[in-house]
């Protein structure tokens, strides 16, 4: 009986450990740097007095080890240790590919086959 409660407690602590870091979903705006992407997040917040929903955008620099993200992709980024002066996030997953990125991949593949 005591063993099962210990394993449940251990599982609960590992779940809190993994979900402790902040995650955001946003749009890739730039991939011009090596292993770095710029992700723009749109935040909506009600005005304190007038209650109108206001949009504000913020850009985050994220680490992309394989250079897999393309401009226009919707990605999930996760908080990480400081990797450079501005980079504090890392690419977690690509939620949705951009149709523009798929067209670029097809053009590159056709150019390689032509050579």
C-alpha atoms as a PDB file:
ATOM      1  CA  UNK A   1       0.000   0.000   0.000  1.00  0.00           C
ATOM      2  CA  UNK A   2       2.748   2.436   0.924  1.00  0.00           C
ATOM      3  CA  UNK A   3       4.593   1.694  -2.329  1.00  0.00           C
ATOM      4  CA  UNK A   4       1.671   2.800  -4.503  1.00  0.00           C
ATOM      5  CA  UNK A   5       1.327   6.129  -2.686  1.00  0.00           C
ATOM      6  CA  UNK A   6       5.042   6.774  -3.135  1.00  0.00           C
ATOM      7  CA  UNK A   7       4.876   6.079  -6.873  1.00  0.00           C
ATOM      8  CA  UNK A   8       1.797   8.306  -7.205  1.00  0.00           C
ATOM      9  CA  UNK A   9       3.586  11.105  -5.361  1.00  0.00           C
ATOM     10  CA  UNK A  10       6.666  10.652  -7.555  1.00  0.00           C
ATOM     11  CA  UNK A  11       4.525  10.781 -10.706  1.00  0.00           C
ATOM     12  CA  UNK A  12       2.793  13.936  -9.473  1.00  0.00           C
ATOM     13  CA  UNK A  13       6.103  15.669  -8.795  1.00  0.00           C
ATOM     14  CA  UNK A  14       7.462  14.796 -12.251  1.00  0.00           C
ATOM     15  CA  UNK A  15       4.286  16.188 -13.851  1.00  0.00           C
ATOM     16  CA  UNK A  16       4.685  19.468 -11.981  1.00  0.00           C
ATOM     17  CA  UNK A  17       8.378  19.557 -12.899  1.00  0.00           C
ATOM     18  CA  UNK A  18       7.654  19.229 -16.638  1.00  0.00           C
ATOM     19  CA  UNK A  19       4.761  21.698 -16.719  1.00  0.00           C
ATOM     20  CA  UNK A  20       6.564  24.280 -14.592  1.00  0.00           C
ATOM     21  CA  UNK A  21       7.948  26.196 -17.566  1.00  0.00           C
ATOM     22  CA  UNK A  22       5.825  28.732 -19.395  1.00  0.00           C
ATOM     23  CA  UNK A  23       4.651  27.932 -22.934  1.00  0.00           C
ATOM     24  CA  UNK A  24       3.320  30.233 -25.639  1.00  0.00           C
ATOM     25  CA  UNK A  25       1.892  29.705 -29.128  1.00  0.00           C
ATOM     26  CA  UNK A  26       2.687  32.221 -31.838  1.00  0.00           C
ATOM     27  CA  UNK A  27       3.565  32.938 -35.447  1.00  0.00           C
ATOM     28  CA  UNK A  28       7.110  32.740 -36.838  1.00  0.00           C
ATOM     29  CA  UNK A  29       8.035  36.163 -38.219  1.00  0.00           C
ATOM     30  CA  UNK A  30      11.720  35.716 -39.054  1.00  0.00           C
ATOM     31  CA  UNK A  31      14.190  32.862 -39.592  1.00  0.00           C
ATOM     32  CA  UNK A  32      17.132  34.898 -40.876  1.00  0.00           C
ATOM     33  CA  UNK A  33      19.458  33.990 -38.002  1.00  0.00           C
ATOM     34  CA  UNK A  34      21.189  30.654 -37.528  1.00  0.00           C
ATOM     35  CA  UNK A  35      19.341  28.385 -35.067  1.00  0.00           C
ATOM     36  CA  UNK A  36      17.121  31.298 -33.998  1.00  0.00           C
ATOM     37  CA  UNK A  37      13.548  32.177 -34.872  1.00  0.00           C
ATOM     38  CA  UNK A  38      11.515  35.251 -33.994  1.00  0.00           C
ATOM     39  CA  UNK A  39       7.997  34.394 -32.800  1.00  0.00           C
ATOM     40  CA  UNK A  40       5.273  37.030 -32.525  1.00  0.00           C
ATOM     41  CA  UNK A  41       2.588  36.438 -29.908  1.00  0.00           C
ATOM     42  CA  UNK A  42      -0.708  38.309 -30.029  1.00  0.00           C
ATOM     43  CA  UNK A  43      -2.184  39.040 -26.612  1.00  0.00           C
ATOM     44  CA  UNK A  44      -5.751  40.180 -26.063  1.00  0.00           C
ATOM     45  CA  UNK A  45      -6.649  42.017 -22.895  1.00  0.00           C
ATOM     46  CA  UNK A  46      -9.723  43.972 -21.817  1.00  0.00           C
ATOM     47  CA  UNK A  47      -9.123  47.650 -21.113  1.00  0.00           C
ATOM     48  CA  UNK A  48      -9.439  48.244 -17.362  1.00  0.00           C
ATOM     49  CA  UNK A  49     -11.843  51.183 -17.692  1.00  0.00           C
ATOM     50  CA  UNK A  50     -13.561  50.857 -21.051  1.00  0.00           C
ATOM     51  CA  UNK A  51     -13.682  47.027 -21.228  1.00  0.00           C
ATOM     52  CA  UNK A  52     -12.784  47.063 -24.913  1.00  0.00           C
ATOM     53  CA  UNK A  53     -10.598  44.140 -25.981  1.00  0.00           C
ATOM     54  CA  UNK A  54      -7.196  45.476 -26.954  1.00  0.00           C
ATOM     55  CA  UNK A  55      -4.621  43.581 -29.025  1.00  0.00           C
ATOM     56  CA  UNK A  56      -0.924  43.837 -28.338  1.00  0.00           C
ATOM     57  CA  UNK A  57       1.942  41.994 -30.012  1.00  0.00           C
ATOM     58  CA  UNK A  58       5.239  40.927 -28.491  1.00  0.00           C
ATOM     59  CA  UNK A  59       8.207  39.277 -30.186  1.00  0.00           C
ATOM     60  CA  UNK A  60      10.219  36.482 -28.596  1.00  0.00           C
ATOM     61  CA  UNK A  61      13.537  35.062 -29.771  1.00  0.00           C
ATOM     62  CA  UNK A  62      13.548  31.252 -29.629  1.00  0.00           C
ATOM     63  CA  UNK A  63      16.227  28.615 -30.182  1.00  0.00           C
ATOM     64  CA  UNK A  64      15.566  26.291 -33.155  1.00  0.00           C
ATOM     65  CA  UNK A  65      18.333  23.663 -33.185  1.00  0.00           C
ATOM     66  CA  UNK A  66      17.462  22.009 -36.530  1.00  0.00           C
ATOM     67  CA  UNK A  67      16.327  25.201 -38.324  1.00  0.00           C
ATOM     68  CA  UNK A  68      13.042  23.389 -38.982  1.00  0.00           C
ATOM     69  CA  UNK A  69      10.615  26.305 -38.573  1.00  0.00           C
ATOM     70  CA  UNK A  70       9.764  28.544 -41.516  1.00  0.00           C
ATOM     71  CA  UNK A  71       8.185  31.999 -41.760  1.00  0.00           C
ATOM     72  CA  UNK A  72       4.418  31.785 -41.295  1.00  0.00           C
ATOM     73  CA  UNK A  73       4.437  28.592 -39.193  1.00  0.00           C
ATOM     74  CA  UNK A  74       2.456  28.474 -35.964  1.00  0.00           C
ATOM     75  CA  UNK A  75       4.787  27.165 -33.246  1.00  0.00           C
ATOM     76  CA  UNK A  76       4.807  26.414 -29.529  1.00  0.00           C
ATOM     77  CA  UNK A  77       7.783  27.811 -27.610  1.00  0.00           C
ATOM     78  CA  UNK A  78       8.857  27.012 -24.065  1.00  0.00           C
ATOM     79  CA  UNK A  79      10.778  29.053 -21.533  1.00  0.00           C
ATOM     80  CA  UNK A  80      14.450  28.102 -21.238  1.00  0.00           C
ATOM     81  CA  UNK A  81      17.631  29.274 -19.593  1.00  0.00           C
ATOM     82  CA  UNK A  82      19.268  32.344 -21.152  1.00  0.00           C
ATOM     83  CA  UNK A  83      20.993  31.212 -24.358  1.00  0.00           C
ATOM     84  CA  UNK A  84      22.146  34.654 -25.534  1.00  0.00           C
ATOM     85  CA  UNK A  85      21.459  38.317 -24.890  1.00  0.00           C
ATOM     86  CA  UNK A  86      17.856  38.095 -26.144  1.00  0.00           C
ATOM     87  CA  UNK A  87      17.138  34.350 -26.464  1.00  0.00           C
ATOM     88  CA  UNK A  88      15.189  32.964 -23.495  1.00  0.00           C
ATOM     89  CA  UNK A  89      12.879  30.497 -25.266  1.00  0.00           C
ATOM     90  CA  UNK A  90      13.253  27.250 -27.215  1.00  0.00           C
ATOM     91  CA  UNK A  91      11.126  25.742 -29.967  1.00  0.00           C
ATOM     92  CA  UNK A  92       8.909  22.999 -28.542  1.00  0.00           C
ATOM     93  CA  UNK A  93       6.913  21.950 -31.625  1.00  0.00           C
ATOM     94  CA  UNK A  94       5.519  23.185 -34.902  1.00  0.00           C
ATOM     95  CA  UNK A  95       1.752  23.297 -34.453  1.00  0.00           C
ATOM     96  CA  UNK A  96       0.836  24.150 -38.057  1.00  0.00           C
ATOM     97  CA  UNK A  97       2.977  24.550 -41.161  1.00  0.00           C
ATOM     98  CA  UNK A  98       2.547  27.574 -43.386  1.00  0.00           C
ATOM     99  CA  UNK A  99       1.308  26.979 -46.927  1.00  0.00           C
ATOM    100  CA  UNK A 100       4.059  29.345 -48.098  1.00  0.00           C
ATOM    101  CA  UNK A 101       6.714  27.196 -46.436  1.00  0.00           C
ATOM    102  CA  UNK A 102       5.377  24.076 -48.182  1.00  0.00           C
ATOM    103  CA  UNK A 103       5.547  25.827 -51.575  1.00  0.00           C
ATOM    104  CA  UNK A 104       9.167  26.874 -50.897  1.00  0.00           C
ATOM    105  CA  UNK A 105      10.103  23.285 -49.989  1.00  0.00           C
ATOM    106  CA  UNK A 106       8.643  22.014 -53.261  1.00  0.00           C
ATOM    107  CA  UNK A 107      10.602  24.613 -55.272  1.00  0.00           C
ATOM    108  CA  UNK A 108      13.851  23.655 -53.501  1.00  0.00           C
ATOM    109  CA  UNK A 109      13.222  19.949 -54.147  1.00  0.00           C
ATOM    110  CA  UNK A 110      12.538  20.631 -57.848  1.00  0.00           C
ATOM    111  CA  UNK A 111      15.744  22.680 -58.127  1.00  0.00           C
ATOM    112  CA  UNK A 112      17.790  19.860 -56.575  1.00  0.00           C
ATOM    113  CA  UNK A 113      16.265  17.275 -58.925  1.00  0.00           C
ATOM    114  CA  UNK A 114      16.969  19.490 -61.942  1.00  0.00           C
ATOM    115  CA  UNK A 115      20.703  19.537 -61.132  1.00  0.00           C
END
